[in-house]
């Protein structure tokens, strides 16, 4: 399954790039376990960051940033077959969960609950 890993990225960082990088690393932590279980892990920022950079992105949170980051996650949810929601406050991740549920896509809150990862 293609599984979106959702959790805090920008939330709680004050747009500090070091803190955002640490959040991305936390999002990436379950990716190998998902891969070993036969899944394809996906993180929205893996797609959004290069798109934003290619578009000339300069300032975190500007109109260009907002016009890319959340829409990328929304588009990925059209392709994903599951969402792994990691702990931590995140309006974006909460929205990903809401969209997934509306579409009947399973949402897991623990890695061990994902099929093949228990």
PDB file of N, CA and C in Angstrom:
ATOM      1  N   UNK A   1       0.830  -1.186   0.000  1.00  0.00           N
ATOM      2  CA  UNK A   1       0.000   0.000   0.000  1.00  0.00           C
ATOM      3  C   UNK A   1       0.877   1.253   0.000  1.00  0.00           C
ATOM      4  N   UNK A   2       0.388   2.286  -0.637  1.00  0.00           N
ATOM      5  CA  UNK A   2       0.997   3.610  -0.540  1.00  0.00           C
ATOM      6  C   UNK A   2       0.433   4.245   0.726  1.00  0.00           C
ATOM      7  N   UNK A   3       1.293   4.540   1.698  1.00  0.00           N
ATOM      8  CA  UNK A   3       0.851   5.024   3.002  1.00  0.00           C
ATOM      9  C   UNK A   3       1.438   6.403   3.274  1.00  0.00           C
ATOM     10  N   UNK A   4       0.541   7.368   3.484  1.00  0.00           N
ATOM     11  CA  UNK A   4       0.954   8.723   3.836  1.00  0.00           C
ATOM     12  C   UNK A   4       1.285   8.764   5.323  1.00  0.00           C
ATOM     13  N   UNK A   5       2.468   9.237   5.643  1.00  0.00           N
ATOM     14  CA  UNK A   5       2.868   9.441   7.033  1.00  0.00           C
ATOM     15  C   UNK A   5       2.561  10.898   7.358  1.00  0.00           C
ATOM     16  N   UNK A   6       1.656  11.110   8.311  1.00  0.00           N
ATOM     17  CA  UNK A   6       1.199  12.461   8.644  1.00  0.00           C
ATOM     18  C   UNK A   6       1.534  12.780  10.093  1.00  0.00           C
ATOM     19  N   UNK A   7       2.005  13.990  10.318  1.00  0.00           N
ATOM     20  CA  UNK A   7       2.329  14.443  11.666  1.00  0.00           C
ATOM     21  C   UNK A   7       2.868  15.853  11.591  1.00  0.00           C
ATOM     22  N   UNK A   8       3.335  16.376  12.710  1.00  0.00           N
ATOM     23  CA  UNK A   8       3.828  17.751  12.719  1.00  0.00           C
ATOM     24  C   UNK A   8       5.042  17.941  11.807  1.00  0.00           C
ATOM     25  N   UNK A   9       5.001  18.996  11.027  1.00  0.00           N
ATOM     26  CA  UNK A   9       6.161  19.425  10.248  1.00  0.00           C
ATOM     27  C   UNK A   9       6.481  20.870  10.642  1.00  0.00           C
ATOM     28  N   UNK A  10       5.587  21.773  10.324  1.00  0.00           N
ATOM     29  CA  UNK A  10       5.790  23.188  10.629  1.00  0.00           C
ATOM     30  C   UNK A  10       5.237  23.559  12.007  1.00  0.00           C
ATOM     31  N   UNK A  11       4.206  22.846  12.433  1.00  0.00           N
ATOM     32  CA  UNK A  11       3.520  23.156  13.694  1.00  0.00           C
ATOM     33  C   UNK A  11       4.488  23.202  14.870  1.00  0.00           C
ATOM     34  N   UNK A  12       4.361  24.247  15.666  1.00  0.00           N
ATOM     35  CA  UNK A  12       5.149  24.370  16.887  1.00  0.00           C
ATOM     36  C   UNK A  12       6.607  24.733  16.688  1.00  0.00           C
ATOM     37  N   UNK A  13       6.993  25.082  15.471  1.00  0.00           N
ATOM     38  CA  UNK A  13       8.407  25.384  15.208  1.00  0.00           C
ATOM     39  C   UNK A  13       8.708  26.876  15.163  1.00  0.00           C
ATOM     40  N   UNK A  14       7.672  27.713  15.057  1.00  0.00           N
ATOM     41  CA  UNK A  14       7.924  29.133  14.844  1.00  0.00           C
ATOM     42  C   UNK A  14       8.655  29.371  13.538  1.00  0.00           C
ATOM     43  N   UNK A  15       8.480  28.443  12.601  1.00  0.00           N
ATOM     44  CA  UNK A  15       9.129  28.469  11.285  1.00  0.00           C
ATOM     45  C   UNK A  15      10.655  28.375  11.358  1.00  0.00           C
ATOM     46  N   UNK A  16      11.167  27.847  12.468  1.00  0.00           N
ATOM     47  CA  UNK A  16      12.596  27.597  12.622  1.00  0.00           C
ATOM     48  C   UNK A  16      12.957  26.383  11.760  1.00  0.00           C
ATOM     49  N   UNK A  17      13.831  26.589  10.783  1.00  0.00           N
ATOM     50  CA  UNK A  17      14.152  25.529   9.831  1.00  0.00           C
ATOM     51  C   UNK A  17      14.844  24.331  10.484  1.00  0.00           C
ATOM     52  N   UNK A  18      15.590  24.542  11.551  1.00  0.00           N
ATOM     53  CA  UNK A  18      16.236  23.433  12.257  1.00  0.00           C
ATOM     54  C   UNK A  18      15.168  22.556  12.910  1.00  0.00           C
ATOM     55  N   UNK A  19      14.177  23.188  13.531  1.00  0.00           N
ATOM     56  CA  UNK A  19      13.083  22.437  14.161  1.00  0.00           C
ATOM     57  C   UNK A  19      12.229  21.729  13.112  1.00  0.00           C
ATOM     58  N   UNK A  20      12.026  22.380  11.979  1.00  0.00           N
ATOM     59  CA  UNK A  20      11.254  21.758  10.902  1.00  0.00           C
ATOM     60  C   UNK A  20      11.998  20.540  10.354  1.00  0.00           C
ATOM     61  N   UNK A  21      13.312  20.647  10.222  1.00  0.00           N
ATOM     62  CA  UNK A  21      14.113  19.508   9.752  1.00  0.00           C
ATOM     63  C   UNK A  21      14.033  18.355  10.754  1.00  0.00           C
ATOM     64  N   UNK A  22      14.024  18.672  12.049  1.00  0.00           N
ATOM     65  CA  UNK A  22      13.892  17.626  13.072  1.00  0.00           C
ATOM     66  C   UNK A  22      12.523  16.961  12.974  1.00  0.00           C
ATOM     67  N   UNK A  23      11.486  17.749  12.707  1.00  0.00           N
ATOM     68  CA  UNK A  23      10.148  17.177  12.534  1.00  0.00           C
ATOM     69  C   UNK A  23      10.095  16.274  11.310  1.00  0.00           C
ATOM     70  N   UNK A  24      10.740  16.680  10.227  1.00  0.00           N
ATOM     71  CA  UNK A  24      10.764  15.844   9.027  1.00  0.00           C
ATOM     72  C   UNK A  24      11.480  14.522   9.321  1.00  0.00           C
ATOM     73  N   UNK A  25      12.554  14.596  10.084  1.00  0.00           N
ATOM     74  CA  UNK A  25      13.267  13.367  10.453  1.00  0.00           C
ATOM     75  C   UNK A  25      12.351  12.432  11.246  1.00  0.00           C
ATOM     76  N   UNK A  26      11.547  12.990  12.165  1.00  0.00           N
ATOM     77  CA  UNK A  26      10.595  12.169  12.928  1.00  0.00           C
ATOM     78  C   UNK A  26       9.546  11.556  12.006  1.00  0.00           C
ATOM     79  N   UNK A  27       9.093  12.321  11.013  1.00  0.00           N
ATOM     80  CA  UNK A  27       8.133  11.779  10.045  1.00  0.00           C
ATOM     81  C   UNK A  27       8.751  10.621   9.267  1.00  0.00           C
ATOM     82  N   UNK A  28      10.040  10.714   8.994  1.00  0.00           N
ATOM     83  CA  UNK A  28      10.718   9.684   8.203  1.00  0.00           C
ATOM     84  C   UNK A  28      11.027   8.415   8.998  1.00  0.00           C
ATOM     85  N   UNK A  29      11.026   8.489  10.321  1.00  0.00           N
ATOM     86  CA  UNK A  29      11.441   7.345  11.147  1.00  0.00           C
ATOM     87  C   UNK A  29      10.703   6.045  10.830  1.00  0.00           C
ATOM     88  N   UNK A  30       9.376   6.047  10.630  1.00  0.00           N
ATOM     89  CA  UNK A  30       8.706   4.766  10.346  1.00  0.00           C
ATOM     90  C   UNK A  30       8.806   4.321   8.888  1.00  0.00           C
ATOM     91  N   UNK A  31       9.447   5.095   8.040  1.00  0.00           N
ATOM     92  CA  UNK A  31       9.420   4.792   6.603  1.00  0.00           C
ATOM     93  C   UNK A  31      10.079   3.452   6.263  1.00  0.00           C
ATOM     94  N   UNK A  32      11.179   3.119   6.912  1.00  0.00           N
ATOM     95  CA  UNK A  32      11.844   1.858   6.581  1.00  0.00           C
ATOM     96  C   UNK A  32      11.016   0.660   7.029  1.00  0.00           C
ATOM     97  N   UNK A  33      10.403   0.753   8.201  1.00  0.00           N
ATOM     98  CA  UNK A  33       9.545  -0.343   8.675  1.00  0.00           C
ATOM     99  C   UNK A  33       8.369  -0.552   7.722  1.00  0.00           C
ATOM    100  N   UNK A  34       7.792   0.531   7.237  1.00  0.00           N
ATOM    101  CA  UNK A  34       6.700   0.414   6.261  1.00  0.00           C
ATOM    102  C   UNK A  34       7.209  -0.242   4.979  1.00  0.00           C
ATOM    103  N   UNK A  35       8.368   0.186   4.531  1.00  0.00           N
ATOM    104  CA  UNK A  35       8.963  -0.376   3.320  1.00  0.00           C
ATOM    105  C   UNK A  35       9.241  -1.869   3.482  1.00  0.00           C
ATOM    106  N   UNK A  36       9.832  -2.246   4.625  1.00  0.00           N
ATOM    107  CA  UNK A  36      10.126  -3.660   4.882  1.00  0.00           C
ATOM    108  C   UNK A  36       8.857  -4.505   4.893  1.00  0.00           C
ATOM    109  N   UNK A  37       7.740  -3.895   5.276  1.00  0.00           N
ATOM    110  CA  UNK A  37       6.464  -4.620   5.325  1.00  0.00           C
ATOM    111  C   UNK A  37       5.796  -4.685   3.952  1.00  0.00           C
ATOM    112  N   UNK A  38       6.462  -4.144   2.932  1.00  0.00           N
ATOM    113  CA  UNK A  38       5.923  -4.221   1.577  1.00  0.00           C
ATOM    114  C   UNK A  38       5.149  -3.001   1.131  1.00  0.00           C
ATOM    115  N   UNK A  39       5.139  -1.960   1.954  1.00  0.00           N
ATOM    116  CA  UNK A  39       4.408  -0.737   1.625  1.00  0.00           C
ATOM    117  C   UNK A  39       5.345   0.290   0.979  1.00  0.00           C
ATOM    118  N   UNK A  40       4.757   1.334   0.421  1.00  0.00           N
ATOM    119  CA  UNK A  40       5.521   2.471  -0.085  1.00  0.00           C
ATOM    120  C   UNK A  40       5.192   3.665   0.813  1.00  0.00           C
ATOM    121  N   UNK A  41       6.149   4.079   1.648  1.00  0.00           N
ATOM    122  CA  UNK A  41       5.891   5.224   2.514  1.00  0.00           C
ATOM    123  C   UNK A  41       5.913   6.520   1.714  1.00  0.00           C
ATOM    124  N   UNK A  42       5.070   7.472   2.121  1.00  0.00           N
ATOM    125  CA  UNK A  42       5.014   8.769   1.457  1.00  0.00           C
ATOM    126  C   UNK A  42       4.846   9.847   2.518  1.00  0.00           C
ATOM    127  N   UNK A  43       5.578  10.916   2.354  1.00  0.00           N
ATOM    128  CA  UNK A  43       5.460  12.092   3.220  1.00  0.00           C
ATOM    129  C   UNK A  43       5.230  13.280   2.295  1.00  0.00           C
ATOM    130  N   UNK A  44       4.215  14.067   2.594  1.00  0.00           N
ATOM    131  CA  UNK A  44       3.863  15.197   1.734  1.00  0.00           C
ATOM    132  C   UNK A  44       5.025  16.138   1.476  1.00  0.00           C
ATOM    133  N   UNK A  45       5.858  16.351   2.485  1.00  0.00           N
ATOM    134  CA  UNK A  45       6.984  17.271   2.331  1.00  0.00           C
ATOM    135  C   UNK A  45       8.013  16.758   1.339  1.00  0.00           C
ATOM    136  N   UNK A  46       8.083  15.433   1.152  1.00  0.00           N
ATOM    137  CA  UNK A  46       8.998  14.889   0.143  1.00  0.00           C
ATOM    138  C   UNK A  46       8.620  15.372  -1.247  1.00  0.00           C
ATOM    139  N   UNK A  47       7.365  15.677  -1.449  1.00  0.00           N
ATOM    140  CA  UNK A  47       6.890  16.178  -2.740  1.00  0.00           C
ATOM    141  C   UNK A  47       6.839  17.703  -2.718  1.00  0.00           C
ATOM    142  N   UNK A  48       6.293  18.268  -1.648  1.00  0.00           N
ATOM    143  CA  UNK A  48       6.054  19.709  -1.587  1.00  0.00           C
ATOM    144  C   UNK A  48       7.343  20.531  -1.583  1.00  0.00           C
ATOM    145  N   UNK A  49       8.363  20.088  -0.852  1.00  0.00           N
ATOM    146  CA  UNK A  49       9.593  20.884  -0.765  1.00  0.00           C
ATOM    147  C   UNK A  49      10.253  21.105  -2.124  1.00  0.00           C
ATOM    148  N   UNK A  50      10.478  20.058  -2.944  1.00  0.00           N
ATOM    149  CA  UNK A  50      11.088  20.324  -4.247  1.00  0.00           C
ATOM    150  C   UNK A  50      10.190  21.139  -5.176  1.00  0.00           C
ATOM    151  N   UNK A  51       8.874  20.949  -5.067  1.00  0.00           N
ATOM    152  CA  UNK A  51       7.955  21.740  -5.899  1.00  0.00           C
ATOM    153  C   UNK A  51       8.055  23.209  -5.505  1.00  0.00           C
ATOM    154  N   UNK A  52       8.034  23.469  -4.201  1.00  0.00           N
ATOM    155  CA  UNK A  52       8.127  24.844  -3.699  1.00  0.00           C
ATOM    156  C   UNK A  52       9.461  25.476  -4.103  1.00  0.00           C
ATOM    157  N   UNK A  53      10.555  24.724  -3.959  1.00  0.00           N
ATOM    158  CA  UNK A  53      11.867  25.241  -4.358  1.00  0.00           C
ATOM    159  C   UNK A  53      11.920  25.529  -5.853  1.00  0.00           C
ATOM    160  N   UNK A  54      11.365  24.632  -6.671  1.00  0.00           N
ATOM    161  CA  UNK A  54      11.360  24.834  -8.128  1.00  0.00           C
ATOM    162  C   UNK A  54      10.521  26.041  -8.520  1.00  0.00           C
ATOM    163  N   UNK A  55       9.509  26.343  -7.706  1.00  0.00           N
ATOM    164  CA  UNK A  55       8.639  27.486  -7.988  1.00  0.00           C
ATOM    165  C   UNK A  55       9.250  28.798  -7.498  1.00  0.00           C
ATOM    166  N   UNK A  56      10.423  28.719  -6.885  1.00  0.00           N
ATOM    167  CA  UNK A  56      11.088  29.922  -6.394  1.00  0.00           C
ATOM    168  C   UNK A  56      10.748  30.254  -4.954  1.00  0.00           C
ATOM    169  N   UNK A  57      10.286  29.266  -4.194  1.00  0.00           N
ATOM    170  CA  UNK A  57       9.914  29.498  -2.799  1.00  0.00           C
ATOM    171  C   UNK A  57      11.054  30.080  -1.989  1.00  0.00           C
ATOM    172  N   UNK A  58      10.724  31.085  -1.199  1.00  0.00           N
ATOM    173  CA  UNK A  58      11.744  31.762  -0.402  1.00  0.00           C
ATOM    174  C   UNK A  58      11.346  31.898   1.068  1.00  0.00           C
ATOM    175  N   UNK A  59      10.070  32.130   1.338  1.00  0.00           N
ATOM    176  CA  UNK A  59       9.636  32.449   2.690  1.00  0.00           C
ATOM    177  C   UNK A  59       8.593  31.448   3.178  1.00  0.00           C
ATOM    178  N   UNK A  60       8.933  30.717   4.227  1.00  0.00           N
ATOM    179  CA  UNK A  60       8.020  29.733   4.798  1.00  0.00           C
ATOM    180  C   UNK A  60       6.729  30.432   5.210  1.00  0.00           C
ATOM    181  N   UNK A  61       5.619  29.877   4.755  1.00  0.00           N
ATOM    182  CA  UNK A  61       4.314  30.412   5.122  1.00  0.00           C
ATOM    183  C   UNK A  61       3.767  31.467   4.185  1.00  0.00           C
ATOM    184  N   UNK A  62       4.537  31.848   3.155  1.00  0.00           N
ATOM    185  CA  UNK A  62       4.002  32.846   2.220  1.00  0.00           C
ATOM    186  C   UNK A  62       2.927  32.212   1.338  1.00  0.00           C
ATOM    187  N   UNK A  63       2.331  33.013   0.469  1.00  0.00           N
ATOM    188  CA  UNK A  63       1.231  32.523  -0.372  1.00  0.00           C
ATOM    189  C   UNK A  63       1.658  31.337  -1.232  1.00  0.00           C
ATOM    190  N   UNK A  64       2.870  31.379  -1.776  1.00  0.00           N
ATOM    191  CA  UNK A  64       3.361  30.276  -2.605  1.00  0.00           C
ATOM    192  C   UNK A  64       3.468  28.997  -1.770  1.00  0.00           C
ATOM    193  N   UNK A  65       4.011  29.113  -0.584  1.00  0.00           N
ATOM    194  CA  UNK A  65       4.143  27.975   0.326  1.00  0.00           C
ATOM    195  C   UNK A  65       2.771  27.382   0.622  1.00  0.00           C
ATOM    196  N   UNK A  66       1.843  28.234   1.024  1.00  0.00           N
ATOM    197  CA  UNK A  66       0.492  27.773   1.373  1.00  0.00           C
ATOM    198  C   UNK A  66      -0.218  27.174   0.164  1.00  0.00           C
ATOM    199  N   UNK A  67       0.086  27.688  -1.015  1.00  0.00           N
ATOM    200  CA  UNK A  67      -0.548  27.193  -2.230  1.00  0.00           C
ATOM    201  C   UNK A  67       0.005  25.865  -2.717  1.00  0.00           C
ATOM    202  N   UNK A  68       1.082  25.404  -2.089  1.00  0.00           N
ATOM    203  CA  UNK A  68       1.703  24.138  -2.497  1.00  0.00           C
ATOM    204  C   UNK A  68       1.589  23.067  -1.410  1.00  0.00           C
ATOM    205  N   UNK A  69       1.940  23.385  -0.175  1.00  0.00           N
ATOM    206  CA  UNK A  69       2.100  22.344   0.850  1.00  0.00           C
ATOM    207  C   UNK A  69       0.823  21.576   1.161  1.00  0.00           C
ATOM    208  N   UNK A  70      -0.249  22.255   1.507  1.00  0.00           N
ATOM    209  CA  UNK A  70      -1.480  21.521   1.828  1.00  0.00           C
ATOM    210  C   UNK A  70      -2.131  20.914   0.584  1.00  0.00           C
ATOM    211  N   UNK A  71      -2.132  21.592  -0.555  1.00  0.00           N
ATOM    212  CA  UNK A  71      -2.673  20.941  -1.759  1.00  0.00           C
ATOM    213  C   UNK A  71      -1.912  19.670  -2.150  1.00  0.00           C
ATOM    214  N   UNK A  72      -0.607  19.617  -1.919  1.00  0.00           N
ATOM    215  CA  UNK A  72       0.152  18.396  -2.217  1.00  0.00           C
ATOM    216  C   UNK A  72      -0.395  17.235  -1.398  1.00  0.00           C
ATOM    217  N   UNK A  73      -0.597  17.458  -0.103  1.00  0.00           N
ATOM    218  CA  UNK A  73      -1.132  16.390   0.756  1.00  0.00           C
ATOM    219  C   UNK A  73      -2.520  15.975   0.286  1.00  0.00           C
ATOM    220  N   UNK A  74      -3.329  16.949  -0.087  1.00  0.00           N
ATOM    221  CA  UNK A  74      -4.682  16.649  -0.573  1.00  0.00           C
ATOM    222  C   UNK A  74      -4.613  15.777  -1.826  1.00  0.00           C
ATOM    223  N   UNK A  75      -3.722  16.103  -2.745  1.00  0.00           N
ATOM    224  CA  UNK A  75      -3.573  15.303  -3.974  1.00  0.00           C
ATOM    225  C   UNK A  75      -3.019  13.912  -3.670  1.00  0.00           C
ATOM    226  N   UNK A  76      -2.071  13.832  -2.750  1.00  0.00           N
ATOM    227  CA  UNK A  76      -1.521  12.521  -2.388  1.00  0.00           C
ATOM    228  C   UNK A  76      -2.595  11.621  -1.798  1.00  0.00           C
ATOM    229  N   UNK A  77      -3.525  12.208  -1.070  1.00  0.00           N
ATOM    230  CA  UNK A  77      -4.592  11.411  -0.468  1.00  0.00           C
ATOM    231  C   UNK A  77      -5.537  10.829  -1.513  1.00  0.00           C
ATOM    232  N   UNK A  78      -5.467  11.332  -2.742  1.00  0.00           N
ATOM    233  CA  UNK A  78      -6.239  10.718  -3.830  1.00  0.00           C
ATOM    234  C   UNK A  78      -5.581   9.412  -4.275  1.00  0.00           C
ATOM    235  N   UNK A  79      -4.313   9.232  -3.922  1.00  0.00           N
ATOM    236  CA  UNK A  79      -3.543   8.060  -4.339  1.00  0.00           C
ATOM    237  C   UNK A  79      -3.252   7.090  -3.199  1.00  0.00           C
ATOM    238  N   UNK A  80      -3.198   7.604  -1.976  1.00  0.00           N
ATOM    239  CA  UNK A  80      -2.801   6.780  -0.832  1.00  0.00           C
ATOM    240  C   UNK A  80      -3.895   5.805  -0.434  1.00  0.00           C
ATOM    241  N   UNK A  81      -3.434   4.684   0.104  1.00  0.00           N
ATOM    242  CA  UNK A  81      -4.348   3.627   0.547  1.00  0.00           C
ATOM    243  C   UNK A  81      -4.390   3.524   2.060  1.00  0.00           C
ATOM    244  N   UNK A  82      -3.687   4.406   2.740  1.00  0.00           N
ATOM    245  CA  UNK A  82      -3.689   4.426   4.191  1.00  0.00           C
ATOM    246  C   UNK A  82      -2.920   5.630   4.694  1.00  0.00           C
ATOM    247  N   UNK A  83      -3.190   5.999   5.951  1.00  0.00           N
ATOM    248  CA  UNK A  83      -2.505   7.115   6.602  1.00  0.00           C
ATOM    249  C   UNK A  83      -2.001   6.638   7.958  1.00  0.00           C
ATOM    250  N   UNK A  84      -0.725   6.867   8.212  1.00  0.00           N
ATOM    251  CA  UNK A  84      -0.151   6.642   9.532  1.00  0.00           C
ATOM    252  C   UNK A  84      -0.020   8.011  10.179  1.00  0.00           C
ATOM    253  N   UNK A  85      -0.848   8.265  11.206  1.00  0.00           N
ATOM    254  CA  UNK A  85      -0.847   9.571  11.891  1.00  0.00           C
ATOM    255  C   UNK A  85       0.064   9.479  13.104  1.00  0.00           C
ATOM    256  N   UNK A  86       1.161  10.215  13.063  1.00  0.00           N
ATOM    257  CA  UNK A  86       2.111  10.231  14.165  1.00  0.00           C
ATOM    258  C   UNK A  86       1.663  11.225  15.232  1.00  0.00           C
ATOM    259  N   UNK A  87       2.129  11.053  16.475  1.00  0.00           N
ATOM    260  CA  UNK A  87       1.727  11.957  17.556  1.00  0.00           C
ATOM    261  C   UNK A  87       2.207  13.383  17.328  1.00  0.00           C
ATOM    262  N   UNK A  88       1.490  14.319  17.939  1.00  0.00           N
ATOM    263  CA  UNK A  88       1.864  15.724  17.910  1.00  0.00           C
ATOM    264  C   UNK A  88       0.796  16.581  17.282  1.00  0.00           C
ATOM    265  N   UNK A  89       0.706  17.817  17.766  1.00  0.00           N
ATOM    266  CA  UNK A  89      -0.281  18.757  17.249  1.00  0.00           C
ATOM    267  C   UNK A  89       0.077  19.163  15.827  1.00  0.00           C
ATOM    268  N   UNK A  90      -0.897  19.068  14.938  1.00  0.00           N
ATOM    269  CA  UNK A  90      -0.702  19.472  13.545  1.00  0.00           C
ATOM    270  C   UNK A  90      -2.059  19.604  12.870  1.00  0.00           C
ATOM    271  N   UNK A  91      -2.414  20.841  12.538  1.00  0.00           N
ATOM    272  CA  UNK A  91      -3.678  21.060  11.827  1.00  0.00           C
ATOM    273  C   UNK A  91      -3.652  20.378  10.466  1.00  0.00           C
ATOM    274  N   UNK A  92      -2.509  20.420   9.796  1.00  0.00           N
ATOM    275  CA  UNK A  92      -2.393  19.785   8.483  1.00  0.00           C
ATOM    276  C   UNK A  92      -2.589  18.281   8.564  1.00  0.00           C
ATOM    277  N   UNK A  93      -1.947  17.643   9.545  1.00  0.00           N
ATOM    278  CA  UNK A  93      -2.092  16.193   9.706  1.00  0.00           C
ATOM    279  C   UNK A  93      -3.511  15.839  10.129  1.00  0.00           C
ATOM    280  N   UNK A  94      -4.106  16.675  10.986  1.00  0.00           N
ATOM    281  CA  UNK A  94      -5.502  16.441  11.373  1.00  0.00           C
ATOM    282  C   UNK A  94      -6.414  16.536  10.155  1.00  0.00           C
ATOM    283  N   UNK A  95      -6.122  17.468   9.268  1.00  0.00           N
ATOM    284  CA  UNK A  95      -6.911  17.598   8.041  1.00  0.00           C
ATOM    285  C   UNK A  95      -6.702  16.388   7.132  1.00  0.00           C
ATOM    286  N   UNK A  96      -5.476  15.879   7.068  1.00  0.00           N
ATOM    287  CA  UNK A  96      -5.215  14.665   6.287  1.00  0.00           C
ATOM    288  C   UNK A  96      -6.063  13.506   6.802  1.00  0.00           C
ATOM    289  N   UNK A  97      -6.144  13.370   8.118  1.00  0.00           N
ATOM    290  CA  UNK A  97      -6.948  12.304   8.730  1.00  0.00           C
ATOM    291  C   UNK A  97      -8.420  12.495   8.384  1.00  0.00           C
ATOM    292  N   UNK A  98      -8.892  13.735   8.475  1.00  0.00           N
ATOM    293  CA  UNK A  98     -10.295  14.021   8.151  1.00  0.00           C
ATOM    294  C   UNK A  98     -10.607  13.621   6.715  1.00  0.00           C
ATOM    295  N   UNK A  99      -9.751  14.019   5.782  1.00  0.00           N
ATOM    296  CA  UNK A  99      -9.960  13.694   4.368  1.00  0.00           C
ATOM    297  C   UNK A  99      -9.914  12.182   4.165  1.00  0.00           C
ATOM    298  N   UNK A 100      -8.947  11.527   4.792  1.00  0.00           N
ATOM    299  CA  UNK A 100      -8.831  10.068   4.653  1.00  0.00           C
ATOM    300  C   UNK A 100     -10.107   9.385   5.128  1.00  0.00           C
ATOM    301  N   UNK A 101     -10.607   9.798   6.263  1.00  0.00           N
ATOM    302  CA  UNK A 101     -11.834   9.182   6.793  1.00  0.00           C
ATOM    303  C   UNK A 101     -13.018   9.426   5.869  1.00  0.00           C
ATOM    304  N   UNK A 102     -13.122  10.644   5.336  1.00  0.00           N
ATOM    305  CA  UNK A 102     -14.208  10.951   4.397  1.00  0.00           C
ATOM    306  C   UNK A 102     -14.152  10.039   3.182  1.00  0.00           C
ATOM    307  N   UNK A 103     -12.953   9.672   2.783  1.00  0.00           N
ATOM    308  CA  UNK A 103     -12.767   8.836   1.591  1.00  0.00           C
ATOM    309  C   UNK A 103     -12.739   7.344   1.913  1.00  0.00           C
ATOM    310  N   UNK A 104     -12.893   7.004   3.177  1.00  0.00           N
ATOM    311  CA  UNK A 104     -12.877   5.594   3.564  1.00  0.00           C
ATOM    312  C   UNK A 104     -11.490   4.977   3.584  1.00  0.00           C
ATOM    313  N   UNK A 105     -10.463   5.814   3.673  1.00  0.00           N
ATOM    314  CA  UNK A 105      -9.075   5.349   3.717  1.00  0.00           C
ATOM    315  C   UNK A 105      -8.728   5.044   5.174  1.00  0.00           C
ATOM    316  N   UNK A 106      -8.143   3.879   5.450  1.00  0.00           N
ATOM    317  CA  UNK A 106      -7.806   3.557   6.839  1.00  0.00           C
ATOM    318  C   UNK A 106      -6.758   4.505   7.418  1.00  0.00           C
ATOM    319  N   UNK A 107      -6.909   4.787   8.708  1.00  0.00           N
ATOM    320  CA  UNK A 107      -5.971   5.630   9.448  1.00  0.00           C
ATOM    321  C   UNK A 107      -5.473   4.821  10.640  1.00  0.00           C
ATOM    322  N   UNK A 108      -4.150   4.781  10.796  1.00  0.00           N
ATOM    323  CA  UNK A 108      -3.540   4.096  11.929  1.00  0.00           C
ATOM    324  C   UNK A 108      -2.779   5.113  12.754  1.00  0.00           C
ATOM    325  N   UNK A 109      -2.776   4.910  14.074  1.00  0.00           N
ATOM    326  CA  UNK A 109      -2.080   5.809  14.987  1.00  0.00           C
ATOM    327  C   UNK A 109      -0.836   5.170  15.592  1.00  0.00           C
ATOM    328  N   UNK A 110      -0.633   3.898  15.312  1.00  0.00           N
ATOM    329  CA  UNK A 110       0.561   3.184  15.774  1.00  0.00           C
ATOM    330  C   UNK A 110       1.112   2.382  14.604  1.00  0.00           C
ATOM    331  N   UNK A 111       2.422   2.413  14.438  1.00  0.00           N
ATOM    332  CA  UNK A 111       3.067   1.672  13.360  1.00  0.00           C
ATOM    333  C   UNK A 111       2.687   0.198  13.405  1.00  0.00           C
ATOM    334  N   UNK A 112       2.644  -0.384  14.599  1.00  0.00           N
ATOM    335  CA  UNK A 112       2.356  -1.816  14.713  1.00  0.00           C
ATOM    336  C   UNK A 112       0.936  -2.178  14.285  1.00  0.00           C
ATOM    337  N   UNK A 113       0.064  -1.192  14.138  1.00  0.00           N
ATOM    338  CA  UNK A 113      -1.303  -1.460  13.675  1.00  0.00           C
ATOM    339  C   UNK A 113      -1.412  -1.504  12.149  1.00  0.00           C
ATOM    340  N   UNK A 114      -0.394  -1.008  11.455  1.00  0.00           N
ATOM    341  CA  UNK A 114      -0.387  -1.054   9.991  1.00  0.00           C
ATOM    342  C   UNK A 114      -0.188  -2.509   9.567  1.00  0.00           C
ATOM    343  N   UNK A 115      -0.975  -3.004   8.616  1.00  0.00           N
ATOM    344  CA  UNK A 115      -0.819  -4.400   8.181  1.00  0.00           C
ATOM    345  C   UNK A 115       0.639  -4.733   7.838  1.00  0.00           C
ATOM    346  N   UNK A 116       1.116  -5.825   8.404  1.00  0.00           N
ATOM    347  CA  UNK A 116       2.474  -6.286   8.154  1.00  0.00           C
ATOM    348  C   UNK A 116       3.526  -5.692   9.063  1.00  0.00           C
ATOM    349  N   UNK A 117       3.141  -4.715   9.888  1.00  0.00           N
ATOM    350  CA  UNK A 117       4.119  -4.039  10.744  1.00  0.00           C
ATOM    351  C   UNK A 117       4.011  -4.441  12.212  1.00  0.00           C
ATOM    352  N   UNK A 118       3.092  -5.344  12.535  1.00  0.00           N
ATOM    353  CA  UNK A 118       2.827  -5.704  13.937  1.00  0.00           C
ATOM    354  C   UNK A 118       3.833  -6.601  14.574  1.00  0.00           C
TER     355      UNK A 118
END
